[in-house]
Amino acid sequence: MRVVEALLRVRYAETDRMGVVYHGHYLVWFEIGRTEYCRAAGLPYRKMEESGLWILVTRADCTYRRGARYDDSIRVRSRLTELQSRGLTFAYDVVDAEDRPLADGSTRHVFADSSGKPRRAPAEILEALERFRMSA
């Protein structure tokens, strides 16, 4: 199964008073990973949205393993674990420069139109995602 990595560096604004990354930023990093996955698959979010297809988050899970700190180099590894005509699921691993786990989790999504109404994804989108996912 294809894994796409996004390389990031912890910004000062992402840390709390104790100098540790605030927990909510991991979900932002998941979004970065998901966006890069779609871009690598040849389906940038902007292109999908311009075609009238939106990917709405319906569930997010995150397990925190170790705290990241300001200026740490991190990697967000994203993979598409489930793909159906009406939705999809991504899984994420966030690791530090030494490959130690910082967090892992998943997001569940539903395909929708621009008004937020659930819809089936076009066959060409599903086929492109499936082809990319399995070409590891």
Protein backbone atom coordinates (compact mmCIF):
# COMPACT_ATOMS: atom_id res chain seq x y z
CA MET A 1 0.00 0.00 0.00
CA ARG A 2 1.36 3.39 -1.03
CA VAL A 3 2.67 5.71 1.70
CA VAL A 4 3.29 9.41 1.07
CA GLU A 5 5.57 11.36 3.41
CA ALA A 6 5.37 15.04 4.18
CA LEU A 7 8.40 16.60 5.84
CA LEU A 8 7.72 19.36 8.37
CA ARG A 9 9.53 21.35 11.00
CA VAL A 10 7.73 22.27 14.22
CA ARG A 11 7.03 25.99 14.29
CA TYR A 12 7.14 27.99 17.51
CA ALA A 13 3.46 28.89 17.12
CA GLU A 14 2.58 25.18 17.27
CA THR A 15 3.95 24.77 20.79
CA ASP A 16 2.31 25.45 24.13
CA ARG A 17 3.75 27.19 27.16
CA MET A 18 5.66 24.03 28.07
CA GLY A 19 7.38 24.03 24.66
CA VAL A 20 5.54 20.90 23.47
CA VAL A 21 3.39 20.78 20.35
CA TYR A 22 -0.23 21.49 21.24
CA HIS A 23 -2.34 18.40 20.58
CA GLY A 24 -4.65 20.03 18.01
CA HIS A 25 -1.79 20.62 15.60
CA TYR A 26 -1.46 16.90 14.95
CA LEU A 27 -4.83 17.03 13.16
CA VAL A 28 -3.51 19.91 11.05
CA TRP A 29 -0.49 17.76 10.22
CA PHE A 30 -2.86 14.93 9.25
CA GLU A 31 -4.51 17.35 6.84
CA ILE A 32 -1.13 18.25 5.35
CA GLY A 33 -0.39 14.55 4.90
CA ARG A 34 -3.78 13.89 3.29
CA THR A 35 -3.39 16.87 0.96
CA GLU A 36 0.07 15.72 -0.12
CA TYR A 37 -1.23 12.18 -0.66
CA CYS A 38 -3.95 13.42 -3.00
CA ARG A 39 -1.50 15.71 -4.80
CA ALA A 40 0.93 12.80 -5.29
CA ALA A 41 -1.97 10.75 -6.69
CA GLY A 42 -2.53 13.47 -9.30
CA LEU A 43 -5.70 14.71 -7.59
CA PRO A 44 -4.93 17.99 -5.82
CA TYR A 45 -7.71 19.10 -3.46
CA ARG A 46 -8.14 22.34 -5.39
CA LYS A 47 -8.75 20.44 -8.63
CA MET A 48 -11.30 18.15 -6.95
CA GLU A 49 -13.11 21.09 -5.33
CA GLU A 50 -13.18 23.00 -8.61
CA SER A 51 -14.84 19.96 -10.18
CA GLY A 52 -17.50 20.02 -7.43
CA LEU A 53 -16.18 17.16 -5.30
CA TRP A 54 -15.44 17.84 -1.64
CA ILE A 55 -13.98 15.46 0.93
CA LEU A 56 -15.57 16.19 4.31
CA VAL A 57 -14.14 14.87 7.58
CA THR A 58 -16.67 12.81 9.53
CA ARG A 59 -14.31 11.29 12.10
CA ALA A 60 -10.80 11.95 13.40
CA ASP A 61 -8.76 9.82 15.81
CA CYS A 62 -5.31 10.52 17.20
CA THR A 63 -3.16 8.66 19.70
CA TYR A 64 -0.27 10.64 21.12
CA ARG A 65 2.95 8.71 21.71
CA ARG A 66 5.65 11.33 22.45
CA GLY A 67 5.78 15.10 22.45
CA ALA A 68 7.40 17.04 19.65
CA ARG A 69 9.13 20.35 20.38
CA TYR A 70 9.96 23.57 18.60
CA ASP A 71 12.23 23.15 15.56
CA ASP A 72 12.00 19.34 15.58
CA SER A 73 12.03 17.79 12.14
CA ILE A 74 9.05 15.48 11.68
CA ARG A 75 7.52 13.30 8.99
CA VAL A 76 3.85 12.66 8.43
CA ARG A 77 3.27 9.34 6.69
CA SER A 78 -0.15 9.04 5.07
CA ARG A 79 -1.85 6.11 3.44
CA LEU A 80 -5.30 5.48 2.05
CA THR A 81 -6.69 2.50 3.96
CA GLU A 82 -10.26 2.38 2.71
CA LEU A 83 -11.86 3.59 -0.50
CA GLN A 84 -15.56 3.36 -1.33
CA SER A 85 -17.81 5.22 -3.74
CA ARG A 86 -19.17 7.45 -0.95
CA GLY A 87 -16.10 7.89 1.25
CA LEU A 88 -12.57 7.04 2.22
CA THR A 89 -10.30 6.61 5.23
CA PHE A 90 -6.71 7.76 5.69
CA ALA A 91 -4.24 6.55 8.32
CA TYR A 92 -1.29 8.60 9.56
CA ASP A 93 1.94 8.11 11.43
CA VAL A 94 3.86 11.12 12.70
CA VAL A 95 7.50 10.35 13.49
CA ASP A 96 10.55 12.35 14.49
CA ALA A 97 13.90 12.54 12.67
CA GLU A 98 15.01 9.31 14.36
CA ASP A 99 11.84 7.53 13.25
CA ARG A 100 10.40 7.44 16.78
CA PRO A 101 6.60 7.57 16.85
CA LEU A 102 5.06 10.86 17.97
CA ALA A 103 1.43 10.14 17.09
CA ASP A 104 -0.75 8.00 14.88
CA GLY A 105 -4.35 8.18 13.85
CA SER A 106 -6.92 8.22 11.11
CA THR A 107 -9.58 10.33 9.48
CA ARG A 108 -12.81 9.17 7.87
CA HIS A 109 -14.32 11.21 5.05
CA VAL A 110 -17.47 11.38 2.98
CA PHE A 111 -17.56 12.65 -0.58
CA ALA A 112 -19.91 15.61 -0.99
CA ASP A 113 -20.92 18.32 -3.40
CA SER A 114 -20.12 21.99 -2.80
CA SER A 115 -23.27 22.40 -0.66
CA GLY A 116 -22.15 19.59 1.67
CA LYS A 117 -24.64 17.02 0.38
CA PRO A 118 -23.13 13.51 0.30
CA ARG A 119 -22.58 12.10 -3.16
CA ARG A 120 -20.74 9.34 -4.94
CA ALA A 121 -17.29 10.15 -6.25
CA PRO A 122 -16.87 10.00 -10.02
CA ALA A 123 -15.46 6.70 -11.28
CA GLU A 124 -12.32 8.39 -12.64
CA ILE A 125 -11.48 9.78 -9.18
CA LEU A 126 -12.00 6.41 -7.51
CA GLU A 127 -9.96 4.63 -10.18
CA ALA A 128 -7.09 7.11 -9.92
CA LEU A 129 -6.97 6.82 -6.12
CA GLU A 130 -7.11 3.03 -6.23
CA ARG A 131 -4.44 2.81 -8.90
CA PHE A 132 -2.14 5.11 -6.92
CA ARG A 133 -2.84 3.35 -3.62
CA MET A 134 -1.88 -0.06 -4.98
CA SER A 135 1.20 1.03 -6.95
CA ALA A 136 3.70 0.93 -4.10
